[in-house]
Protein backbone atom coordinates (compact mmCIF):
# COMPACT_ATOMS: atom_id res chain seq x y z
CA MET A 1 94.99 232.45 -19.39
CA LYS A 2 96.69 228.92 -20.00
CA ALA A 3 94.91 225.71 -19.80
CA ILE A 4 96.52 221.98 -19.79
CA ILE A 5 94.80 218.80 -21.00
CA ILE A 6 96.37 215.39 -19.03
CA ASP A 7 94.91 212.63 -20.99
CA ASP A 8 96.83 209.22 -22.61
CA GLU A 9 93.68 209.07 -25.14
CA LYS A 10 94.68 211.67 -27.93
CA HIS A 11 91.22 211.25 -29.07
CA VAL A 12 89.88 212.71 -25.85
CA ARG A 13 92.65 216.06 -25.69
CA GLU A 14 90.90 216.55 -29.62
CA GLY A 15 87.47 216.16 -28.06
CA LEU A 16 87.85 218.54 -25.71
CA LEU A 17 89.94 221.12 -27.99
CA LEU A 18 87.42 221.02 -30.19
CA LEU A 19 84.23 221.17 -27.96
CA GLY A 20 85.37 223.72 -25.47
CA GLU A 21 84.45 227.23 -25.74
CA TRP A 22 87.95 227.97 -24.83
CA GLU A 23 88.45 231.83 -26.79
CA GLU A 24 85.26 232.89 -24.87
CA ASN A 25 86.22 232.26 -21.94
CA GLY A 26 89.67 234.26 -22.12
CA ILE A 27 91.61 231.18 -22.33
CA HIS A 28 94.16 231.96 -25.45
CA SER A 29 96.84 228.92 -24.64
CA ILE A 30 96.06 225.03 -24.13
CA LEU A 31 98.88 222.66 -23.16
CA GLU A 32 98.51 219.16 -24.07
CA ALA A 33 100.18 215.95 -22.03
CA GLU A 34 100.16 212.07 -22.42
CA ASN A 35 100.77 211.36 -19.07
CA GLY A 36 100.99 212.48 -15.03
CA GLU A 37 104.66 213.14 -15.52
CA GLU A 38 104.37 215.02 -18.44
CA GLY A 39 101.37 217.02 -17.30
CA ILE A 40 103.34 217.82 -13.98
CA GLN A 41 106.70 219.19 -15.87
CA LEU A 42 104.21 221.35 -17.73
CA ILE A 43 102.16 222.83 -15.21
CA GLN A 44 106.11 223.78 -13.71
CA GLN A 45 107.39 225.03 -16.62
CA GLN A 46 103.96 226.88 -17.94
CA LYS A 47 101.81 227.56 -14.85
CA PRO A 48 98.55 226.96 -16.51
CA ASP A 49 95.35 228.48 -14.94
CA LEU A 50 93.06 225.41 -15.08
CA ILE A 51 94.13 221.61 -15.36
CA PHE A 52 91.63 219.44 -17.25
CA THR A 53 93.06 215.30 -16.18
CA ASP A 54 92.36 211.83 -16.37
CA MET A 55 92.19 209.85 -13.54
CA GLN A 56 93.91 206.29 -15.43
CA MET A 57 96.91 207.00 -17.07
CA PRO A 58 100.29 205.36 -17.53
CA ILE A 59 103.66 206.50 -15.55
CA LYS A 60 101.62 208.61 -13.32
CA ASP A 61 98.00 208.65 -13.13
CA GLY A 62 95.55 211.44 -12.34
CA ILE A 63 95.29 210.79 -8.42
CA SER A 64 99.35 211.52 -8.79
CA VAL A 65 98.70 214.68 -10.26
CA LEU A 66 95.96 216.00 -7.82
CA GLU A 67 98.42 215.14 -5.02
CA TRP A 68 101.35 217.22 -6.18
CA LEU A 69 98.97 219.96 -6.99
CA HIS A 70 97.67 219.85 -3.52
CA SER A 71 100.84 219.35 -1.66
CA SER A 72 102.30 222.21 -3.89
CA ALA A 73 98.94 224.37 -3.02
CA TYR A 74 98.57 225.06 -6.61
CA HIS A 75 96.87 228.15 -7.80
CA GLY A 76 94.90 226.67 -10.64
CA LYS A 77 91.57 225.00 -10.96
CA THR A 78 91.66 221.45 -11.65
CA ILE A 79 88.89 219.87 -13.19
CA VAL A 80 88.65 216.02 -13.74
CA VAL A 81 87.31 214.37 -16.90
CA SER A 82 87.29 210.48 -16.42
CA GLY A 83 85.61 207.71 -18.25
CA TYR A 84 84.81 206.01 -14.70
CA ASP A 85 81.93 206.80 -12.51
CA ASP A 86 83.76 205.25 -9.53
CA TYR A 87 83.35 206.82 -5.93
CA HIS A 88 86.84 206.34 -5.22
CA TYR A 89 87.70 208.46 -7.84
CA MET A 90 85.37 211.18 -7.17
CA ARG A 91 86.32 211.21 -3.40
CA THR A 92 89.52 211.89 -4.43
CA ALA A 93 88.85 214.41 -6.45
CA ILE A 94 86.63 215.79 -3.34
CA ASN A 95 89.27 215.58 -0.95
CA TYR A 96 92.12 217.25 -3.22
CA GLN A 97 89.51 220.02 -3.95
CA SER A 98 89.25 219.56 -7.47
CA PHE A 99 86.82 221.67 -9.11
CA ASP A 100 84.38 219.50 -10.90
CA TYR A 101 84.11 215.97 -12.18
CA ILE A 102 82.97 215.49 -15.53
CA LEU A 103 82.65 212.01 -17.23
CA LYS A 104 82.97 211.01 -20.70
CA PRO A 105 81.67 210.41 -23.02
CA ILE A 106 82.16 214.37 -22.57
CA ASP A 107 78.93 216.43 -22.47
CA PRO A 108 79.86 219.97 -24.55
CA ALA A 109 76.60 221.93 -22.54
CA LEU A 110 78.53 220.36 -19.15
CA LEU A 111 81.87 221.18 -20.00
CA ASN A 112 81.44 225.08 -21.11
CA GLU A 113 79.36 225.49 -17.93
CA THR A 114 81.85 224.12 -15.96
CA LEU A 115 84.61 226.10 -18.26
CA ARG A 116 83.00 229.00 -17.27
CA LYS A 117 82.30 228.96 -13.85
CA ALA A 118 85.75 227.71 -12.95
CA VAL A 119 86.92 230.80 -15.09
CA GLU A 120 85.03 233.36 -13.16
CA LEU A 121 85.90 232.02 -9.71
CA LEU A 122 89.87 232.17 -10.67
CA ARG A 123 89.23 236.10 -11.85
CA GLU A 124 87.60 236.73 -8.39
CA ASN A 125 89.96 235.23 -6.37
CA GLU A 126 93.01 236.92 -8.54
CA PRO A 127 94.58 239.23 -5.93
CA PRO A 128 95.11 243.14 -7.35
CA PRO A 129 98.76 243.45 -9.25
CA ASN A 130 100.26 245.48 -6.17
CA VAL A 131 99.07 242.59 -3.84
CA VAL A 132 101.36 240.43 -5.77
CA ASP A 133 104.16 243.22 -6.35
CA SER A 134 104.22 243.45 -2.49
CA GLU A 135 104.22 239.65 -1.69
CA ILE A 136 107.46 239.21 -3.81
CA THR A 137 109.26 242.20 -2.40
CA LYS A 138 108.34 241.05 0.91
CA TYR A 139 109.76 237.16 0.05
CA VAL A 140 112.78 238.39 -1.33
CA GLU A 141 113.74 240.66 2.03
CA GLU A 142 112.96 237.91 3.84
CA HIS A 143 114.98 235.37 1.87
CA PHE A 144 118.10 237.73 0.68
CA ARG A 145 120.41 236.49 2.98
CA GLU A 146 119.66 232.73 0.76
CA GLU A 147 121.10 231.51 -2.62
CA ILE A 148 117.77 232.43 -3.79
CA ASN A 149 117.33 233.35 -7.89
CA LEU A 150 114.43 234.24 -10.53
CA GLN A 151 113.25 230.56 -10.96
CA ASP A 152 112.81 229.76 -7.05
CA ILE A 153 110.56 233.15 -7.20
CA ALA A 154 108.65 232.08 -9.97
CA ASN A 155 108.15 228.66 -8.88
CA THR A 156 107.39 230.49 -5.19
CA PHE A 157 104.36 232.81 -6.66
CA PHE A 158 103.02 229.87 -9.86
CA MET A 159 104.12 232.73 -11.83
CA SER A 160 106.64 232.92 -15.40
CA ARG A 161 109.81 234.19 -14.58
CA GLU A 162 109.31 236.73 -17.41
CA HIS A 163 106.42 238.30 -15.49
CA ILE A 164 107.78 238.51 -12.27
CA SER A 165 111.32 240.01 -13.70
CA ARG A 166 109.24 242.78 -15.70
CA LYS A 167 107.31 243.75 -12.98
CA PHE A 168 109.62 244.16 -10.41
CA LYS A 169 111.66 246.29 -12.97
CA GLN A 170 108.62 248.38 -12.72
CA GLU A 171 107.91 248.71 -9.06
CA HIS A 172 111.66 249.19 -7.57
CA ASN A 173 113.59 250.53 -11.51
CA LEU A 174 115.91 247.45 -10.53
CA THR A 175 116.26 243.85 -11.63
CA ILE A 176 115.96 241.52 -8.77
CA THR A 177 119.61 240.31 -8.47
CA GLU A 178 120.42 243.69 -8.50
CA TYR A 179 117.56 244.49 -5.50
CA ILE A 180 119.07 241.44 -3.51
CA THR A 181 122.78 243.15 -3.80
CA LYS A 182 121.36 246.12 -2.43
CA LYS A 183 119.77 244.36 0.53
CA ARG A 184 122.36 242.28 1.22
CA LEU A 185 125.55 245.39 1.21
CA GLU A 186 123.16 247.45 3.49
CA GLU A 187 122.79 245.04 5.89
CA SER A 188 126.59 244.24 5.46
CA LYS A 189 127.30 248.08 6.37
CA LYS A 190 124.89 247.48 10.14
CA LEU A 191 127.56 244.43 10.57
CA LEU A 192 130.63 246.19 9.69
CA LYS A 193 129.48 248.70 12.88
CA LYS A 194 129.97 245.20 15.29
CA PRO A 195 133.93 245.32 15.58
CA GLN A 196 133.93 241.44 16.95
CA LEU A 197 132.77 240.08 13.39
CA LYS A 198 135.33 238.90 10.71
CA ILE A 199 134.87 240.26 7.09
CA TYR A 200 134.24 236.99 5.93
CA GLU A 201 131.51 236.51 9.15
CA VAL A 202 129.48 239.78 7.90
CA ALA A 203 129.73 238.14 4.23
CA TYR A 204 128.58 234.76 5.44
CA GLN A 205 125.57 236.54 7.29
CA VAL A 206 124.61 238.53 4.63
CA GLY A 207 124.61 235.30 1.96
CA TYR A 208 128.17 235.77 0.41
CA GLN A 209 129.95 232.63 0.79
CA ASN A 210 133.14 234.14 -0.58
CA ASP A 211 134.50 237.11 1.84
CA LYS A 212 137.10 238.32 -1.57
CA TYR A 213 133.67 238.01 -3.98
CA PHE A 214 131.73 240.42 -1.22
CA SER A 215 134.40 242.97 -0.65
CA LYS A 216 135.09 243.04 -4.80
CA VAL A 217 131.38 243.68 -4.78
CA PHE A 218 131.14 245.97 -1.58
CA LYS A 219 133.99 248.27 -3.20
CA LYS A 220 132.08 248.13 -6.87
CA TYR A 221 128.97 249.78 -5.17
CA TYR A 222 130.56 251.78 -2.51
CA GLY A 223 133.49 252.79 -3.99
CA ILE A 224 135.53 251.37 -0.83
CA THR A 225 136.46 248.28 0.29
CA PRO A 226 134.61 246.81 3.69
CA ASN A 227 137.66 247.12 5.84
CA ASP A 228 138.26 250.88 4.86
CA TYR A 229 134.80 251.70 5.43
CA ARG A 230 135.11 249.87 9.22
CA GLU A 231 138.40 251.94 9.58
CA GLY A 232 136.57 255.19 8.61
CA LEU A 233 133.72 254.31 11.15
CA GLU A 234 136.82 253.67 13.82
CA LYS A 235 137.99 256.67 13.26
CA GLY A 236 135.13 258.80 12.76
């Protein structure tokens, strides 16, 4: 598991690193960010499971981070670490479904109890791998006509590109790009049976903006051009 600490005060980040029982709770990677903007960028790139955030920070504050996480339906658990025993901040944290609100100075026992409970909840809510795989496959089958790539899928499922790529290849014996090509060409064969559709219209409907490129891919895959395939259907 990964965690991120977002706080503009270096000594607070160092304190959390020192006091937290990270390894004991299965957290092997801890990221750091000095403000909310940097934190959001790291969350998008690294997909941490736990987010510790301060409330008052320059550039983007903790409320902005909570808003972004909530609007993104992010899968991780958020723990607010603040020096302000402030009703407004606490209420905001509750509204955006933060897991807990810890006050500075940090009580080590409280920090580690919160950490343990958050990790337990994450593990309980973790879907089985086959469910994740089937959801990714379903997503690709619903969106193969669009300009989707591995990064789009990674962003949708809050997982790393490498993990999705490896699991998908294990499941289908094809890369995601190869799977999308297969789906597009299978669909194009169905559409080529409709004589009213031009080749460029078939290409566009299965996700290719260029009919010449579509014909090239089709021939490479089936050993015959779309035109020849259609003529064979008409003759046969």
